[in-house]
Amino acid sequence: MKRLFLSIILMAGFTSFLSAQKYALVDMEYIMKNIPAYETANEQLNMVSKKWQKEVEAQLQEVQTMYKNYQTELVFLSEEMKVQREEEIVAKEKAANELKRKYFGQDGELFKKRESLIKPIQDEIYTAIQEIAKEKGYDMVLDKTTTISLIYSVPKLDISDMVLEKLGYSK
């Protein structure tokens, strides 16, 4: 009985603590789509990505061609030539995979390019959000595009337009 009473008191206290919190929501996708510099950066990234993808695909296509030629000529090749051709094919395939990793890997060129183009924009947005939160007294600002468990929110809690205004952009 004492535990039940204590649980009820703790829940009531926790509920009142949560209701005392002041929070707001932002839609990062909406904000970024309304910033021209972000759209330009995305276009640049897409162009570079397509260029690099074509380069990698060309090398992989070359590997496939080498392999098909090898299979066609297989009966005419000596053991030494077979080994040499197989090593050439494997080396070319490794080079293509290394190029792919260089461009698209975890710390690849695309990642670095994205960091250099988009991170300054994101930092500017986060600074604007922090300033608005301090001005309005928000304890917490949530991104409603990444909060999977957010089912519904009151539109007046969304400060995305305020953030855009703070950054000098309008709807």
N, C-alpha and C. Protein backbone atom coordinates (compact mmCIF):
# COMPACT_ATOMS: atom_id res chain seq x y z
N MET A 1 0.83 -1.18 0.00
CA MET A 1 0.00 0.00 0.00
C MET A 1 0.88 1.26 0.00
N LYS A 2 1.94 1.23 0.84
CA LYS A 2 2.83 2.37 0.91
C LYS A 2 3.54 2.58 -0.44
N ARG A 3 3.91 1.48 -1.09
CA ARG A 3 4.59 1.58 -2.38
C ARG A 3 3.66 2.17 -3.45
N LEU A 4 2.40 1.76 -3.44
CA LEU A 4 1.43 2.29 -4.39
C LEU A 4 1.24 3.79 -4.16
N PHE A 5 1.10 4.18 -2.91
CA PHE A 5 0.94 5.60 -2.57
C PHE A 5 2.17 6.39 -3.01
N LEU A 6 3.37 5.85 -2.75
CA LEU A 6 4.62 6.50 -3.13
C LEU A 6 4.73 6.61 -4.65
N SER A 7 4.32 5.57 -5.36
CA SER A 7 4.34 5.58 -6.83
C SER A 7 3.43 6.66 -7.38
N ILE A 8 2.24 6.78 -6.80
CA ILE A 8 1.29 7.79 -7.26
C ILE A 8 1.84 9.19 -7.02
N ILE A 9 2.45 9.42 -5.89
CA ILE A 9 3.04 10.73 -5.59
C ILE A 9 4.18 11.04 -6.56
N LEU A 10 5.04 10.06 -6.83
CA LEU A 10 6.15 10.26 -7.76
C LEU A 10 5.64 10.55 -9.17
N MET A 11 4.62 9.83 -9.61
CA MET A 11 4.05 10.07 -10.94
C MET A 11 3.44 11.46 -11.03
N ALA A 12 2.75 11.89 -10.01
CA ALA A 12 2.15 13.22 -10.00
C ALA A 12 3.24 14.29 -10.05
N GLY A 13 4.30 14.08 -9.28
CA GLY A 13 5.41 15.03 -9.29
C GLY A 13 6.10 15.07 -10.65
N PHE A 14 6.30 13.94 -11.25
CA PHE A 14 6.94 13.87 -12.57
C PHE A 14 6.07 14.54 -13.62
N THR A 15 4.75 14.30 -13.55
CA THR A 15 3.82 14.91 -14.49
C THR A 15 3.82 16.42 -14.36
N SER A 16 3.83 16.92 -13.12
CA SER A 16 3.85 18.38 -12.94
C SER A 16 5.19 18.95 -13.40
N PHE A 17 6.27 18.20 -13.24
CA PHE A 17 7.59 18.64 -13.71
C PHE A 17 7.57 18.78 -15.24
N LEU A 18 6.99 17.79 -15.92
CA LEU A 18 6.93 17.83 -17.38
C LEU A 18 6.04 18.97 -17.87
N SER A 19 4.94 19.21 -17.20
CA SER A 19 4.05 20.28 -17.65
C SER A 19 4.67 21.65 -17.41
N ALA A 20 5.62 21.74 -16.48
CA ALA A 20 6.29 23.00 -16.23
C ALA A 20 7.34 23.30 -17.31
N GLN A 21 7.75 22.29 -18.04
CA GLN A 21 8.72 22.47 -19.10
C GLN A 21 8.08 23.22 -20.27
N LYS A 22 8.83 24.12 -20.85
CA LYS A 22 8.35 24.85 -22.01
C LYS A 22 9.16 24.37 -23.20
N TYR A 23 8.47 23.92 -24.25
CA TYR A 23 9.18 23.37 -25.38
C TYR A 23 8.57 23.86 -26.69
N ALA A 24 9.33 23.66 -27.76
CA ALA A 24 8.89 24.04 -29.10
C ALA A 24 9.35 22.98 -30.08
N LEU A 25 8.82 23.06 -31.29
CA LEU A 25 9.18 22.13 -32.34
C LEU A 25 9.70 22.89 -33.55
N VAL A 26 10.61 22.27 -34.28
CA VAL A 26 11.06 22.81 -35.56
C VAL A 26 10.99 21.70 -36.60
N ASP A 27 10.86 22.10 -37.84
CA ASP A 27 10.87 21.17 -38.96
C ASP A 27 12.12 21.48 -39.76
N MET A 28 13.20 20.73 -39.50
CA MET A 28 14.49 21.00 -40.12
C MET A 28 14.42 20.86 -41.64
N GLU A 29 13.66 19.91 -42.14
CA GLU A 29 13.53 19.76 -43.59
C GLU A 29 12.91 21.00 -44.21
N TYR A 30 11.86 21.50 -43.59
CA TYR A 30 11.17 22.70 -44.06
C TYR A 30 12.11 23.90 -44.04
N ILE A 31 12.85 24.04 -42.95
CA ILE A 31 13.78 25.16 -42.82
C ILE A 31 14.84 25.10 -43.91
N MET A 32 15.45 23.94 -44.07
CA MET A 32 16.53 23.81 -45.05
C MET A 32 16.03 24.00 -46.48
N LYS A 33 14.84 23.53 -46.78
CA LYS A 33 14.30 23.71 -48.13
C LYS A 33 14.04 25.18 -48.44
N ASN A 34 13.88 25.98 -47.42
CA ASN A 34 13.63 27.41 -47.62
C ASN A 34 14.90 28.26 -47.55
N ILE A 35 16.04 27.62 -47.50
CA ILE A 35 17.31 28.33 -47.51
C ILE A 35 17.99 28.05 -48.84
N PRO A 36 18.10 29.05 -49.72
CA PRO A 36 18.68 28.84 -51.05
C PRO A 36 20.09 28.26 -51.02
N ALA A 37 20.91 28.67 -50.06
CA ALA A 37 22.29 28.16 -49.99
C ALA A 37 22.30 26.65 -49.77
N TYR A 38 21.33 26.14 -49.03
CA TYR A 38 21.25 24.70 -48.79
C TYR A 38 20.90 23.97 -50.09
N GLU A 39 19.94 24.51 -50.83
CA GLU A 39 19.55 23.89 -52.09
C GLU A 39 20.72 23.89 -53.08
N THR A 40 21.47 24.99 -53.12
CA THR A 40 22.64 25.08 -54.00
C THR A 40 23.69 24.05 -53.59
N ALA A 41 23.94 23.94 -52.30
CA ALA A 41 24.91 22.97 -51.80
C ALA A 41 24.48 21.55 -52.16
N ASN A 42 23.21 21.26 -52.01
CA ASN A 42 22.69 19.93 -52.36
C ASN A 42 22.87 19.63 -53.84
N GLU A 43 22.61 20.63 -54.68
CA GLU A 43 22.80 20.44 -56.12
C GLU A 43 24.26 20.16 -56.44
N GLN A 44 25.17 20.90 -55.80
CA GLN A 44 26.60 20.67 -56.00
C GLN A 44 26.98 19.25 -55.58
N LEU A 45 26.48 18.83 -54.44
CA LEU A 45 26.78 17.47 -53.96
C LEU A 45 26.25 16.42 -54.93
N ASN A 46 25.05 16.62 -55.44
CA ASN A 46 24.47 15.66 -56.39
C ASN A 46 25.30 15.58 -57.67
N MET A 47 25.75 16.73 -58.17
CA MET A 47 26.55 16.74 -59.39
C MET A 47 27.88 16.01 -59.17
N VAL A 48 28.55 16.31 -58.07
CA VAL A 48 29.82 15.67 -57.77
C VAL A 48 29.63 14.16 -57.56
N SER A 49 28.57 13.81 -56.86
CA SER A 49 28.28 12.41 -56.59
C SER A 49 28.04 11.64 -57.89
N LYS A 50 27.27 12.22 -58.80
CA LYS A 50 27.00 11.56 -60.08
C LYS A 50 28.29 11.39 -60.89
N LYS A 51 29.12 12.43 -60.88
CA LYS A 51 30.39 12.37 -61.61
C LYS A 51 31.26 11.23 -61.07
N TRP A 52 31.39 11.18 -59.74
CA TRP A 52 32.21 10.14 -59.13
C TRP A 52 31.61 8.76 -59.34
N GLN A 53 30.28 8.67 -59.29
CA GLN A 53 29.62 7.39 -59.50
C GLN A 53 29.89 6.87 -60.91
N LYS A 54 29.85 7.76 -61.90
CA LYS A 54 30.15 7.36 -63.28
C LYS A 54 31.59 6.85 -63.40
N GLU A 55 32.49 7.53 -62.71
CA GLU A 55 33.90 7.13 -62.73
C GLU A 55 34.08 5.73 -62.15
N VAL A 56 33.44 5.47 -61.03
CA VAL A 56 33.53 4.15 -60.40
C VAL A 56 32.88 3.09 -61.29
N GLU A 57 31.71 3.41 -61.84
CA GLU A 57 31.01 2.45 -62.71
C GLU A 57 31.84 2.13 -63.95
N ALA A 58 32.54 3.14 -64.49
CA ALA A 58 33.39 2.90 -65.67
C ALA A 58 34.50 1.91 -65.34
N GLN A 59 35.09 2.06 -64.16
CA GLN A 59 36.15 1.13 -63.77
C GLN A 59 35.59 -0.27 -63.55
N LEU A 60 34.42 -0.37 -62.92
CA LEU A 60 33.81 -1.68 -62.71
C LEU A 60 33.41 -2.32 -64.03
N GLN A 61 32.97 -1.50 -64.96
CA GLN A 61 32.63 -2.01 -66.30
C GLN A 61 33.88 -2.55 -67.00
N GLU A 62 34.98 -1.86 -66.81
CA GLU A 62 36.25 -2.31 -67.38
C GLU A 62 36.66 -3.66 -66.80
N VAL A 63 36.41 -3.84 -65.49
CA VAL A 63 36.70 -5.12 -64.85
C VAL A 63 35.85 -6.22 -65.46
N GLN A 64 34.58 -5.93 -65.68
CA GLN A 64 33.69 -6.93 -66.28
C GLN A 64 34.14 -7.29 -67.70
N THR A 65 34.55 -6.29 -68.46
CA THR A 65 35.03 -6.54 -69.81
C THR A 65 36.29 -7.40 -69.78
N MET A 66 37.20 -7.08 -68.86
CA MET A 66 38.43 -7.87 -68.73
C MET A 66 38.09 -9.33 -68.39
N TYR A 67 37.11 -9.51 -67.50
CA TYR A 67 36.73 -10.86 -67.08
C TYR A 67 36.09 -11.63 -68.24
N LYS A 68 35.21 -10.96 -69.01
CA LYS A 68 34.57 -11.62 -70.16
C LYS A 68 35.63 -12.03 -71.19
N ASN A 69 36.56 -11.13 -71.45
CA ASN A 69 37.64 -11.45 -72.39
C ASN A 69 38.47 -12.63 -71.88
N TYR A 70 38.72 -12.61 -70.60
CA TYR A 70 39.49 -13.71 -69.98
C TYR A 70 38.75 -15.04 -70.18
N GLN A 71 37.45 -15.05 -69.92
CA GLN A 71 36.67 -16.27 -70.07
C GLN A 71 36.66 -16.75 -71.52
N THR A 72 36.60 -15.81 -72.46
CA THR A 72 36.58 -16.15 -73.87
C THR A 72 37.91 -16.77 -74.30
N GLU A 73 39.00 -16.21 -73.79
CA GLU A 73 40.34 -16.64 -74.21
C GLU A 73 40.93 -17.73 -73.31
N LEU A 74 40.17 -18.13 -72.31
CA LEU A 74 40.66 -19.07 -71.30
C LEU A 74 41.28 -20.35 -71.89
N VAL A 75 40.65 -20.94 -72.87
CA VAL A 75 41.15 -22.20 -73.42
C VAL A 75 42.46 -22.04 -74.18
N PHE A 76 42.75 -20.83 -74.62
CA PHE A 76 43.97 -20.59 -75.40
C PHE A 76 45.15 -20.14 -74.54
N LEU A 77 44.91 -19.87 -73.26
CA LEU A 77 45.95 -19.31 -72.40
C LEU A 77 46.74 -20.40 -71.66
N SER A 78 48.02 -20.15 -71.48
CA SER A 78 48.84 -21.05 -70.67
C SER A 78 48.54 -20.78 -69.20
N GLU A 79 49.01 -21.66 -68.32
CA GLU A 79 48.77 -21.49 -66.88
C GLU A 79 49.33 -20.16 -66.39
N GLU A 80 50.50 -19.81 -66.85
CA GLU A 80 51.12 -18.54 -66.44
C GLU A 80 50.27 -17.35 -66.87
N MET A 81 49.77 -17.40 -68.10
CA MET A 81 48.93 -16.31 -68.61
C MET A 81 47.61 -16.23 -67.85
N LYS A 82 47.06 -17.40 -67.51
CA LYS A 82 45.82 -17.42 -66.74
C LYS A 82 46.02 -16.72 -65.40
N VAL A 83 47.09 -17.08 -64.70
CA VAL A 83 47.39 -16.49 -63.39
C VAL A 83 47.61 -14.98 -63.53
N GLN A 84 48.35 -14.61 -64.57
CA GLN A 84 48.64 -13.18 -64.79
C GLN A 84 47.35 -12.40 -65.05
N ARG A 85 46.50 -12.93 -65.91
CA ARG A 85 45.23 -12.25 -66.22
C ARG A 85 44.34 -12.17 -64.99
N GLU A 86 44.26 -13.25 -64.22
CA GLU A 86 43.44 -13.25 -63.00
C GLU A 86 43.94 -12.19 -62.02
N GLU A 87 45.26 -12.09 -61.89
CA GLU A 87 45.83 -11.09 -61.00
C GLU A 87 45.53 -9.68 -61.49
N GLU A 88 45.56 -9.47 -62.81
CA GLU A 88 45.23 -8.16 -63.37
C GLU A 88 43.78 -7.79 -63.09
N ILE A 89 42.90 -8.77 -63.26
CA ILE A 89 41.47 -8.54 -63.01
C ILE A 89 41.24 -8.22 -61.54
N VAL A 90 41.84 -9.00 -60.66
CA VAL A 90 41.68 -8.77 -59.22
C VAL A 90 42.24 -7.40 -58.84
N ALA A 91 43.40 -7.04 -59.39
CA ALA A 91 44.01 -5.74 -59.08
C ALA A 91 43.11 -4.60 -59.56
N LYS A 92 42.56 -4.73 -60.74
CA LYS A 92 41.67 -3.69 -61.29
C LYS A 92 40.41 -3.57 -60.46
N GLU A 93 39.88 -4.72 -60.02
CA GLU A 93 38.68 -4.70 -59.19
C GLU A 93 38.97 -4.06 -57.83
N LYS A 94 40.12 -4.36 -57.26
CA LYS A 94 40.52 -3.74 -55.99
C LYS A 94 40.64 -2.23 -56.15
N ALA A 95 41.23 -1.81 -57.26
CA ALA A 95 41.39 -0.38 -57.52
C ALA A 95 40.03 0.31 -57.64
N ALA A 96 39.09 -0.34 -58.30
CA ALA A 96 37.74 0.22 -58.45
C ALA A 96 37.05 0.32 -57.09
N ASN A 97 37.18 -0.72 -56.29
CA ASN A 97 36.57 -0.69 -54.95
C ASN A 97 37.24 0.33 -54.05
N GLU A 98 38.54 0.50 -54.19
CA GLU A 98 39.26 1.51 -53.42
C GLU A 98 38.81 2.91 -53.82
N LEU A 99 38.61 3.12 -55.10
CA LEU A 99 38.12 4.41 -55.58
C LEU A 99 36.72 4.68 -55.03
N LYS A 100 35.90 3.66 -55.03
CA LYS A 100 34.54 3.79 -54.49
C LYS A 100 34.60 4.15 -53.01
N ARG A 101 35.46 3.49 -52.27
CA ARG A 101 35.62 3.77 -50.84
C ARG A 101 36.17 5.19 -50.63
N LYS A 102 37.10 5.60 -51.50
CA LYS A 102 37.69 6.93 -51.40
C LYS A 102 36.62 8.02 -51.58
N TYR A 103 35.74 7.81 -52.54
CA TYR A 103 34.71 8.81 -52.81
C TYR A 103 33.51 8.71 -51.86
N PHE A 104 33.04 7.49 -51.63
CA PHE A 104 31.77 7.31 -50.93
C PHE A 104 31.88 6.64 -49.57
N GLY A 105 33.07 6.37 -49.11
CA GLY A 105 33.27 5.70 -47.82
C GLY A 105 32.89 6.59 -46.65
N GLN A 106 33.02 6.02 -45.47
CA GLN A 106 32.63 6.70 -44.24
C GLN A 106 33.32 8.06 -44.09
N ASP A 107 34.59 8.14 -44.38
CA ASP A 107 35.32 9.41 -44.33
C ASP A 107 35.77 9.82 -45.73
N GLY A 108 34.96 9.48 -46.72
CA GLY A 108 35.30 9.73 -48.11
C GLY A 108 35.14 11.18 -48.52
N GLU A 109 35.46 11.42 -49.78
CA GLU A 109 35.42 12.76 -50.33
C GLU A 109 34.02 13.36 -50.29
N LEU A 110 32.99 12.55 -50.55
CA LEU A 110 31.61 13.06 -50.52
C LEU A 110 31.24 13.51 -49.12
N PHE A 111 31.64 12.73 -48.11
CA PHE A 111 31.38 13.10 -46.73
C PHE A 111 32.06 14.43 -46.39
N LYS A 112 33.31 14.57 -46.80
CA LYS A 112 34.06 15.80 -46.52
C LYS A 112 33.45 16.99 -47.25
N LYS A 113 33.03 16.77 -48.48
CA LYS A 113 32.40 17.84 -49.26
C LYS A 113 31.09 18.25 -48.61
N ARG A 114 30.31 17.27 -48.16
CA ARG A 114 29.04 17.57 -47.49
C ARG A 114 29.29 18.37 -46.21
N GLU A 115 30.30 17.96 -45.47
CA GLU A 115 30.67 18.68 -44.25
C GLU A 115 31.01 20.15 -44.55
N SER A 116 31.80 20.36 -45.59
CA SER A 116 32.24 21.72 -45.90
C SER A 116 31.11 22.59 -46.43
N LEU A 117 30.15 22.00 -47.13
CA LEU A 117 29.07 22.80 -47.72
C LEU A 117 27.86 22.96 -46.80
N ILE A 118 27.49 21.91 -46.11
CA ILE A 118 26.23 21.93 -45.37
C ILE A 118 26.39 22.24 -43.89
N LYS A 119 27.49 21.83 -43.29
CA LYS A 119 27.68 22.06 -41.86
C LYS A 119 27.59 23.54 -41.47
N PRO A 120 28.18 24.47 -42.23
CA PRO A 120 28.03 25.89 -41.85
C PRO A 120 26.56 26.35 -41.85
N ILE A 121 25.78 25.84 -42.78
CA ILE A 121 24.36 26.19 -42.83
C ILE A 121 23.65 25.62 -41.61
N GLN A 122 23.94 24.37 -41.29
CA GLN A 122 23.32 23.74 -40.11
C GLN A 122 23.72 24.47 -38.83
N ASP A 123 24.98 24.85 -38.73
CA ASP A 123 25.44 25.58 -37.54
C ASP A 123 24.70 26.90 -37.39
N GLU A 124 24.48 27.57 -38.50
CA GLU A 124 23.75 28.84 -38.48
C GLU A 124 22.31 28.62 -38.00
N ILE A 125 21.69 27.54 -38.47
CA ILE A 125 20.32 27.21 -38.06
C ILE A 125 20.28 26.89 -36.57
N TYR A 126 21.23 26.07 -36.10
CA TYR A 126 21.24 25.71 -34.69
C TYR A 126 21.47 26.93 -33.80
N THR A 127 22.30 27.86 -34.24
CA THR A 127 22.53 29.08 -33.48
C THR A 127 21.24 29.89 -33.40
N ALA A 128 20.53 30.01 -34.51
CA ALA A 128 19.25 30.74 -34.52
C ALA A 128 18.24 30.07 -33.60
N ILE A 129 18.19 28.74 -33.62
CA ILE A 129 17.27 28.01 -32.74
C ILE A 129 17.61 28.26 -31.28
N GLN A 130 18.90 28.23 -30.94
CA GLN A 130 19.31 28.48 -29.56
C GLN A 130 18.93 29.90 -29.12
N GLU A 131 19.14 30.87 -30.01
CA GLU A 131 18.79 32.25 -29.66
C GLU A 131 17.30 32.41 -29.43
N ILE A 132 16.48 31.81 -30.29
CA ILE A 132 15.03 31.88 -30.13
C ILE A 132 14.61 31.18 -28.84
N ALA A 133 15.21 30.02 -28.57
CA ALA A 133 14.88 29.28 -27.35
C ALA A 133 15.18 30.11 -26.11
N LYS A 134 16.32 30.80 -26.11
CA LYS A 134 16.67 31.64 -24.96
C LYS A 134 15.72 32.83 -24.85
N GLU A 135 15.40 33.47 -25.99
CA GLU A 135 14.50 34.62 -25.99
C GLU A 135 13.11 34.25 -25.48
N LYS A 136 12.59 33.12 -25.94
CA LYS A 136 11.22 32.70 -25.61
C LYS A 136 11.15 31.84 -24.35
N GLY A 137 12.30 31.47 -23.80
CA GLY A 137 12.33 30.68 -22.57
C GLY A 137 12.00 29.21 -22.77
N TYR A 138 12.32 28.64 -23.93
CA TYR A 138 12.06 27.23 -24.17
C TYR A 138 13.14 26.40 -23.49
N ASP A 139 12.71 25.36 -22.81
CA ASP A 139 13.65 24.43 -22.18
C ASP A 139 14.14 23.40 -23.19
N MET A 140 13.33 23.15 -24.20
CA MET A 140 13.63 22.08 -25.13
C MET A 140 13.06 22.44 -26.51
N VAL A 141 13.84 22.18 -27.56
CA VAL A 141 13.36 22.34 -28.93
C VAL A 141 13.60 21.01 -29.64
N LEU A 142 12.53 20.44 -30.17
CA LEU A 142 12.61 19.14 -30.82
C LEU A 142 12.44 19.29 -32.32
N ASP A 143 13.14 18.45 -33.07
CA ASP A 143 12.98 18.41 -34.52
C ASP A 143 11.88 17.41 -34.82
N LYS A 144 10.77 17.89 -35.34
CA LYS A 144 9.64 16.98 -35.56
C LYS A 144 9.83 16.08 -36.77
N THR A 145 10.83 16.33 -37.61
CA THR A 145 11.06 15.43 -38.74
C THR A 145 11.83 14.19 -38.33
N THR A 146 12.58 14.26 -37.23
CA THR A 146 13.36 13.10 -36.80
C THR A 146 12.79 12.42 -35.56
N THR A 147 11.81 13.02 -34.93
CA THR A 147 11.21 12.42 -33.75
C THR A 147 10.15 11.42 -34.21
N ILE A 148 10.53 10.18 -34.24
CA ILE A 148 9.66 9.14 -34.77
C ILE A 148 8.40 8.97 -33.92
N SER A 149 8.51 9.14 -32.62
CA SER A 149 7.37 8.90 -31.75
C SER A 149 6.41 10.09 -31.68
N LEU A 150 6.71 11.19 -32.35
CA LEU A 150 5.82 12.34 -32.35
C LEU A 150 4.66 12.05 -33.30
N ILE A 151 3.48 11.93 -32.75
CA ILE A 151 2.30 11.60 -33.55
C ILE A 151 1.53 12.85 -33.91
N TYR A 152 1.44 13.77 -32.98
CA TYR A 152 0.68 15.00 -33.21
C TYR A 152 1.33 16.12 -32.42
N SER A 153 1.28 17.30 -32.99
CA SER A 153 1.73 18.47 -32.25
C SER A 153 0.83 19.65 -32.61
N VAL A 154 0.66 20.52 -31.68
CA VAL A 154 -0.12 21.73 -31.90
C VAL A 154 0.71 22.65 -32.80
N PRO A 155 0.14 23.15 -33.89
CA PRO A 155 0.91 23.98 -34.82
C PRO A 155 1.58 25.19 -34.19
N LYS A 156 1.01 25.74 -33.12
CA LYS A 156 1.61 26.92 -32.51
C LYS A 156 2.95 26.62 -31.83
N LEU A 157 3.26 25.33 -31.61
CA LEU A 157 4.54 24.96 -31.02
C LEU A 157 5.68 24.98 -32.05
N ASP A 158 5.32 24.99 -33.34
CA ASP A 158 6.32 24.95 -34.41
C ASP A 158 6.92 26.34 -34.61
N ILE A 159 8.21 26.47 -34.38
CA ILE A 159 8.89 27.77 -34.51
C ILE A 159 9.76 27.83 -35.78
N SER A 160 9.50 26.96 -36.73
CA SER A 160 10.30 26.89 -37.95
C SER A 160 10.32 28.23 -38.69
N ASP A 161 9.17 28.87 -38.81
CA ASP A 161 9.12 30.17 -39.50
C ASP A 161 9.90 31.24 -38.74
N MET A 162 9.88 31.17 -37.42
CA MET A 162 10.67 32.11 -36.60
C MET A 162 12.15 31.94 -36.88
N VAL A 163 12.58 30.69 -37.02
CA VAL A 163 13.98 30.40 -37.29
C VAL A 163 14.36 30.97 -38.65
N LEU A 164 13.50 30.77 -39.65
CA LEU A 164 13.78 31.32 -40.98
C LEU A 164 13.86 32.84 -40.95
N GLU A 165 12.95 33.46 -40.20
CA GLU A 165 12.98 34.93 -40.05
C GLU A 165 14.27 35.37 -39.40
N LYS A 166 14.68 34.67 -38.36
CA LYS A 166 15.92 34.99 -37.65
C LYS A 166 17.12 34.91 -38.57
N LEU A 167 17.07 33.97 -39.53
CA LEU A 167 18.15 33.79 -40.49
C LEU A 167 18.06 34.76 -41.67
N GLY A 168 16.95 35.52 -41.72
CA GLY A 168 16.81 36.49 -42.79
C GLY A 168 16.05 35.97 -44.00
N TYR A 169 15.34 34.87 -43.86
CA TYR A 169 14.56 34.31 -44.95
C TYR A 169 13.10 34.38 -44.59
N SER A 170 12.25 34.52 -45.59
CA SER A 170 10.82 34.50 -45.31
C SER A 170 10.18 33.38 -46.11
N LYS A 171 8.97 33.01 -45.73
CA LYS A 171 8.27 31.90 -46.38
C LYS A 171 8.14 32.11 -47.86
